[in-house]
Amino acid sequence: MEPNSRKWVGSSCGLHGPYIFYKAFKFTQDGKPRILSLGDFFFVRCKPENPICIAELQLLWEERTSKQLLSSSKLYFLPEDTPQGRTVNHGEHEVIAMSEKVIVRLDDLVKWTVPDVSGWAHGLKAEPLKPSVVRELGTNGRREALHRYRESTLTSGLNFKDVQRERAQLGQEEDGRKVLVLSYPQYCRYRSVLARLREQPSSLLIDHTVLALGGIAALGGTTKILYCRDTFEHPALLKNESICDEFAPNLKGRPRKKKLSVSQKKDSQCQGQGQGSSGSTQGSAAAVAAPDPCSPESKIPAKVT
């Protein structure tokens, strides 16, 4: 793979007009290949002087007419890195989402990506699985079941088997889960599960019931968990020269016929009934005015004077 090449990973997952949508892409950073896929959280720095923030990759596509490889991400910032700053109302593990999603070319997204975040000290450290449990996952098929569960809950049910296969070859199965941003209800459920499973074996974290209750199975021991419950405006970031909102995909289809409201339906029915009754009245009047040619009265000759 060439140092500056960007390559789609896996099959395409959608087609709309001039847009082809994909699930993941591969790039090389510091001489090492890396894969980012939909739903991944990773650290970025939009400019050298900007603070590190967290990006959630939400959309990947290729614009066929201009041959542009593009991405759409949601950015999360620590409260102290927002224009309003941190207040007493912010939680220890809280981040704030930028209200607007950012659309950038894949080349610029790779430049934003921060490979080494060993100095990131924020977030709740996820409860890791014991090495024996992780080894057992590879022998009893539970690892594949765990990946399928993540696909159904985190990535709208898309099939990521081909992406996971290539990630496993690179030894990066958990690369997109070094940091997770949950909603506030999800974060509360996770803390509740941890409290319930205190003093219990970590193998329970991969139980489907525990996962459904809000548990998170972290195969690695470095996953940091944060939560988001608010958004903010960031006008300065929107002026970044790498952001290209003009390439945002237009996903609108053909305009549909506007449905009538209940009152409009009643009015149209009343008008139809009125036209039908007037037509029947005119028809009956015509029938009365026109004599039946077969009646005896019609056969009496007219008197000539």
Protein backbone atom coordinates (compact mmCIF):
# COMPACT_ATOMS: atom_id res chain seq x y z
CA MET A 1 0.00 0.00 0.00
CA GLU A 2 1.41 3.38 -1.02
CA PRO A 3 2.18 5.82 1.83
CA ASN A 4 -0.45 8.41 0.81
CA SER A 5 -3.08 6.11 -0.70
CA ARG A 6 -6.64 5.86 0.62
CA LYS A 7 -8.41 2.59 -0.04
CA TRP A 8 -11.99 1.54 0.65
CA VAL A 9 -12.32 -1.56 2.81
CA GLY A 10 -15.15 -4.01 2.24
CA SER A 11 -17.99 -3.77 -0.22
CA SER A 12 -20.09 -0.66 -0.77
CA CYS A 13 -23.17 -0.33 1.43
CA GLY A 14 -25.35 2.00 -0.62
CA LEU A 15 -25.85 3.84 -3.88
CA HIS A 16 -27.82 7.04 -4.43
CA GLY A 17 -27.49 9.18 -7.54
CA PRO A 18 -23.80 10.09 -7.98
CA TYR A 19 -22.86 8.85 -4.48
CA ILE A 20 -21.41 5.45 -3.55
CA PHE A 21 -21.35 4.82 0.21
CA TYR A 22 -18.81 2.66 2.03
CA LYS A 23 -18.28 1.19 5.50
CA ALA A 24 -14.54 1.73 6.06
CA PHE A 25 -11.30 2.92 4.54
CA LYS A 26 -7.63 2.11 5.03
CA PHE A 27 -4.71 4.53 5.19
CA THR A 28 -1.10 4.60 6.34
CA GLN A 29 -0.01 6.72 9.28
CA ASP A 30 3.54 6.83 10.63
CA GLY A 31 4.38 3.86 8.43
CA LYS A 32 1.57 1.69 9.86
CA PRO A 33 -1.65 0.74 8.07
CA ARG A 34 -4.85 1.69 9.88
CA ILE A 35 -8.57 1.20 9.27
CA LEU A 36 -11.40 3.50 10.28
CA SER A 37 -15.00 2.37 9.88
CA LEU A 38 -18.47 3.79 10.46
CA GLY A 39 -19.26 4.20 14.15
CA ASP A 40 -15.61 4.48 15.17
CA PHE A 41 -14.51 7.07 17.72
CA PHE A 42 -10.98 8.43 17.33
CA PHE A 43 -8.93 11.46 18.32
CA VAL A 44 -8.39 14.38 15.96
CA ARG A 45 -6.84 17.83 15.99
CA CYS A 46 -8.36 20.16 13.40
CA LYS A 47 -5.38 22.54 13.44
CA PRO A 48 -1.97 22.35 15.13
CA GLU A 49 -2.98 25.09 17.59
CA ASN A 50 -6.40 23.51 18.35
CA PRO A 51 -7.05 21.16 21.28
CA ILE A 52 -7.55 17.44 20.74
CA CYS A 53 -11.17 16.38 20.36
CA ILE A 54 -13.04 13.15 19.58
CA ALA A 55 -14.52 12.41 16.17
CA GLU A 56 -17.30 9.92 15.44
CA LEU A 57 -17.22 8.70 11.84
CA GLN A 58 -20.80 8.69 10.56
CA LEU A 59 -20.66 8.62 6.77
CA LEU A 60 -18.20 7.66 4.02
CA TRP A 61 -18.84 8.16 0.33
CA GLU A 62 -17.36 8.75 -3.09
CA GLU A 63 -18.76 11.45 -5.38
CA ARG A 64 -18.47 9.88 -8.83
CA THR A 65 -18.64 13.03 -10.93
CA SER A 66 -15.81 14.85 -9.12
CA LYS A 67 -14.01 11.68 -7.90
CA GLN A 68 -13.92 13.08 -4.36
CA LEU A 69 -13.48 10.71 -1.38
CA LEU A 70 -15.40 12.29 1.50
CA SER A 71 -16.42 11.77 5.11
CA SER A 72 -18.88 13.19 7.61
CA SER A 73 -18.04 13.18 11.31
CA LYS A 74 -19.45 14.44 14.57
CA LEU A 75 -16.97 16.19 16.87
CA TYR A 76 -16.96 16.11 20.69
CA PHE A 77 -15.00 18.56 22.82
CA LEU A 78 -14.14 18.74 26.50
CA PRO A 79 -16.18 21.49 28.20
CA GLU A 80 -13.06 23.56 28.89
CA ASP A 81 -12.29 23.57 25.14
CA THR A 82 -15.62 25.16 24.19
CA PRO A 83 -16.30 28.94 24.01
CA GLN A 84 -18.45 28.75 27.17
CA GLY A 85 -15.85 26.80 29.18
CA ARG A 86 -16.39 24.26 31.94
CA THR A 87 -18.98 25.00 34.62
CA VAL A 88 -20.09 23.30 37.84
CA ASN A 89 -22.91 21.64 35.86
CA HIS A 90 -20.53 19.58 33.73
CA GLY A 91 -19.72 16.03 34.77
CA GLU A 92 -16.26 14.57 35.19
CA HIS A 93 -16.61 12.35 32.11
CA GLU A 94 -18.70 14.71 29.98
CA VAL A 95 -17.99 16.01 26.50
CA ILE A 96 -20.06 18.42 24.39
CA ALA A 97 -20.92 17.81 20.75
CA MET A 98 -20.53 20.38 18.04
CA SER A 99 -24.00 21.13 16.66
CA GLU A 100 -22.89 20.92 13.00
CA LYS A 101 -21.33 17.83 11.47
CA VAL A 102 -18.08 18.39 9.59
CA ILE A 103 -17.57 17.19 6.03
CA VAL A 104 -13.95 16.82 4.94
CA ARG A 105 -12.01 14.91 2.33
CA LEU A 106 -10.41 11.68 3.46
CA ASP A 107 -6.95 13.18 2.93
CA ASP A 108 -7.76 15.99 5.37
CA LEU A 109 -9.38 13.61 7.86
CA VAL A 110 -6.20 11.54 7.91
CA LYS A 111 -4.16 14.71 8.54
CA TRP A 112 -6.45 15.56 11.47
CA THR A 113 -6.10 12.11 13.05
CA VAL A 114 -3.91 11.93 16.16
CA PRO A 115 -2.15 8.53 16.36
CA ASP A 116 -0.70 8.81 19.86
CA VAL A 117 -3.11 9.78 22.64
CA SER A 118 -1.24 8.30 25.56
CA GLY A 119 -1.53 11.65 27.32
CA TRP A 120 -5.34 11.68 27.19
CA ALA A 121 -6.39 11.32 30.82
CA HIS A 122 -10.12 12.01 30.54
CA GLY A 123 -12.94 9.50 30.67
CA LEU A 124 -13.92 6.46 32.69
CA LYS A 125 -11.67 3.47 32.07
CA ALA A 126 -13.76 0.56 30.85
CA GLU A 127 -13.73 -2.62 32.89
CA PRO A 128 -11.37 -4.90 30.91
CA LEU A 129 -11.90 -8.59 30.28
CA LYS A 130 -9.36 -10.98 31.71
CA PRO A 131 -6.86 -12.42 29.19
CA SER A 132 -8.24 -15.91 29.77
CA VAL A 133 -11.74 -14.72 28.83
CA VAL A 134 -10.41 -13.01 25.70
CA ARG A 135 -8.59 -16.20 24.67
CA GLU A 136 -11.75 -18.22 25.23
CA LEU A 137 -13.70 -15.89 22.95
CA GLY A 138 -11.60 -17.02 20.02
CA THR A 139 -12.32 -20.71 20.61
CA ASN A 140 -16.04 -20.82 21.33
CA GLY A 141 -17.34 -18.46 18.64
CA ARG A 142 -18.35 -15.79 21.15
CA ARG A 143 -16.06 -13.19 19.55
CA GLU A 144 -18.04 -13.36 16.29
CA ALA A 145 -21.29 -13.20 18.25
CA LEU A 146 -20.00 -10.14 20.10
CA HIS A 147 -19.11 -8.43 16.82
CA ARG A 148 -22.57 -9.21 15.42
CA TYR A 149 -24.14 -7.67 18.51
CA ARG A 150 -22.08 -4.51 18.09
CA GLU A 151 -23.03 -4.32 14.42
CA SER A 152 -26.75 -4.56 15.21
CA THR A 153 -26.62 -1.91 17.97
CA LEU A 154 -23.90 0.52 16.92
CA THR A 155 -23.90 0.50 13.11
CA SER A 156 -27.57 0.06 12.15
CA GLY A 157 -27.17 -3.61 11.38
CA LEU A 158 -24.65 -3.26 8.52
CA ASN A 159 -22.55 -6.34 7.88
CA PHE A 160 -18.96 -5.54 8.91
CA LYS A 161 -17.61 -9.08 8.62
CA ASP A 162 -15.29 -8.17 5.74
CA VAL A 163 -14.03 -5.10 7.63
CA GLN A 164 -13.44 -7.10 10.82
CA ARG A 165 -11.56 -9.76 8.86
CA GLU A 166 -9.13 -7.21 7.46
CA ARG A 167 -8.80 -5.52 10.84
CA ALA A 168 -7.94 -8.85 12.45
CA GLN A 169 -5.17 -9.35 9.89
CA LEU A 170 -3.72 -6.00 10.97
CA GLY A 171 -4.22 -6.77 14.68
CA GLN A 172 -6.51 -3.75 15.13
CA GLU A 173 -9.83 -5.28 16.17
CA GLU A 174 -10.31 -2.73 18.95
CA ASP A 175 -8.69 0.22 17.20
CA GLY A 176 -12.01 2.02 16.81
CA ARG A 177 -12.99 1.50 20.44
CA LYS A 178 -10.15 3.12 22.36
CA VAL A 179 -12.61 5.83 23.27
CA LEU A 180 -16.43 5.67 23.35
CA VAL A 181 -18.92 8.52 23.66
CA LEU A 182 -22.28 7.40 25.02
CA SER A 183 -25.53 9.23 25.48
CA TYR A 184 -26.25 10.19 29.09
CA PRO A 185 -28.87 7.41 29.57
CA GLN A 186 -26.43 4.85 28.14
CA TYR A 187 -23.70 6.07 30.48
CA CYS A 188 -26.02 5.78 33.49
CA ARG A 189 -27.02 2.24 32.50
CA TYR A 190 -23.36 1.28 32.13
CA ARG A 191 -22.49 2.61 35.58
CA SER A 192 -25.49 0.73 36.98
CA VAL A 193 -24.31 -2.52 35.39
CA LEU A 194 -20.81 -2.04 36.82
CA ALA A 195 -22.32 -1.54 40.28
CA ARG A 196 -24.39 -4.72 39.97
CA LEU A 197 -21.45 -6.80 38.75
CA ARG A 198 -19.04 -5.61 41.41
CA GLU A 199 -17.08 -8.56 42.81
CA GLN A 200 -18.40 -10.71 39.94
CA PRO A 201 -16.22 -12.35 37.24
CA SER A 202 -15.51 -10.13 34.23
CA SER A 203 -16.75 -12.87 31.89
CA LEU A 204 -20.30 -11.72 32.70
CA LEU A 205 -19.62 -8.55 30.69
CA ILE A 206 -19.98 -10.55 27.44
CA ASP A 207 -23.31 -12.05 28.48
CA HIS A 208 -26.05 -10.96 26.08
CA THR A 209 -28.37 -10.07 28.95
CA VAL A 210 -25.72 -7.86 30.51
CA LEU A 211 -25.01 -6.24 27.13
CA ALA A 212 -28.72 -5.58 26.64
CA LEU A 213 -28.88 -3.92 30.07
CA GLY A 214 -26.12 -1.50 29.07
CA GLY A 215 -22.90 -3.41 29.63
CA ILE A 216 -19.85 -2.82 27.43
CA ALA A 217 -17.37 -5.58 26.65
CA ALA A 218 -13.95 -3.97 26.17
CA LEU A 219 -11.56 -6.54 24.69
CA GLY A 220 -8.65 -4.17 25.31
CA GLY A 221 -7.72 -2.55 28.60
CA THR A 222 -7.34 1.01 27.33
CA THR A 223 -10.89 1.98 26.39
CA LYS A 224 -12.06 5.31 27.83
CA ILE A 225 -15.79 6.01 28.18
CA LEU A 226 -17.37 9.46 28.13
CA TYR A 227 -20.90 10.76 27.68
CA CYS A 228 -22.57 13.63 25.84
CA ARG A 229 -25.86 15.36 26.65
CA ASP A 230 -25.49 18.82 25.07
CA THR A 231 -24.36 20.63 21.90
CA PHE A 232 -22.75 24.00 21.20
CA GLU A 233 -22.01 26.33 18.31
CA HIS A 234 -18.41 26.55 17.10
CA PRO A 235 -18.29 29.32 14.43
CA ALA A 236 -14.49 29.47 14.43
CA LEU A 237 -14.14 25.82 13.45
CA LEU A 238 -16.62 26.18 10.59
CA LYS A 239 -14.14 28.60 8.98
CA ASN A 240 -11.53 25.83 8.74
CA GLU A 241 -10.34 25.61 5.14
CA SER A 242 -10.51 21.80 5.21
CA ILE A 243 -14.28 21.74 5.74
CA CYS A 244 -16.14 21.38 2.44
CA ASP A 245 -19.87 21.52 3.10
CA GLU A 246 -20.46 22.12 -0.61
CA PHE A 247 -19.88 18.39 -1.14
CA ALA A 248 -22.58 17.33 1.32
CA PRO A 249 -24.65 14.56 -0.29
CA ASN A 250 -28.12 15.47 -1.48
CA LEU A 251 -30.20 12.47 -0.46
CA LYS A 252 -33.60 13.87 -1.38
CA GLY A 253 -35.62 11.68 -3.72
CA ARG A 254 -38.43 12.60 -6.07
CA PRO A 255 -41.09 14.80 -4.44
CA ARG A 256 -44.03 12.79 -3.22
CA LYS A 257 -47.65 13.76 -3.69
CA LYS A 258 -48.77 15.75 -0.69
CA LYS A 259 -51.22 13.85 1.47
CA LEU A 260 -54.55 15.50 2.21
CA SER A 261 -55.42 16.33 5.77
CA VAL A 262 -58.56 14.95 7.40
CA SER A 263 -60.47 18.21 6.88
CA GLN A 264 -59.39 18.36 3.22
CA LYS A 265 -60.52 14.76 2.69
CA LYS A 266 -63.96 15.60 4.17
CA ASP A 267 -64.28 18.67 1.94
CA SER A 268 -63.42 16.68 -1.19
CA GLN A 269 -65.92 13.95 -0.24
CA CYS A 270 -68.66 16.55 0.35
CA GLN A 271 -67.96 18.16 -3.01
CA GLY A 272 -68.12 14.79 -4.73
CA GLN A 273 -71.42 13.97 -3.07
CA GLY A 274 -72.82 17.39 -4.01
CA GLN A 275 -71.88 16.93 -7.66
CA GLY A 276 -73.39 13.45 -7.66
CA SER A 277 -76.71 14.62 -6.16
CA SER A 278 -76.99 17.56 -8.58
CA GLY A 279 -76.32 15.24 -11.51
CA SER A 280 -79.00 12.80 -10.35
CA THR A 281 -81.50 15.66 -9.88
CA GLN A 282 -80.87 16.94 -13.38
CA GLY A 283 -81.21 13.44 -14.74
CA SER A 284 -84.56 12.87 -13.00
CA ALA A 285 -85.87 16.23 -14.22
CA ALA A 286 -84.90 15.35 -17.77
CA ALA A 287 -86.62 12.00 -17.41
CA VAL A 288 -89.85 13.70 -16.29
CA ALA A 289 -89.73 16.30 -19.09
CA ALA A 290 -89.06 13.80 -21.88
CA PRO A 291 -92.13 11.58 -22.58
CA ASP A 292 -91.76 7.89 -23.01
CA PRO A 293 -92.13 7.03 -26.69
CA CYS A 294 -93.78 3.72 -25.79
CA SER A 295 -96.54 5.27 -23.65
CA PRO A 296 -100.15 5.54 -25.03
CA GLU A 297 -100.10 9.32 -24.77
CA SER A 298 -97.19 9.55 -27.15
CA LYS A 299 -99.14 7.60 -29.81
CA ILE A 300 -102.15 10.06 -29.90
CA PRO A 301 -101.76 12.20 -33.03
CA ALA A 302 -101.50 15.87 -32.53
CA LYS A 303 -104.63 17.85 -33.37
CA VAL A 304 -104.20 20.04 -36.43
CA THR A 305 -106.03 23.35 -36.41
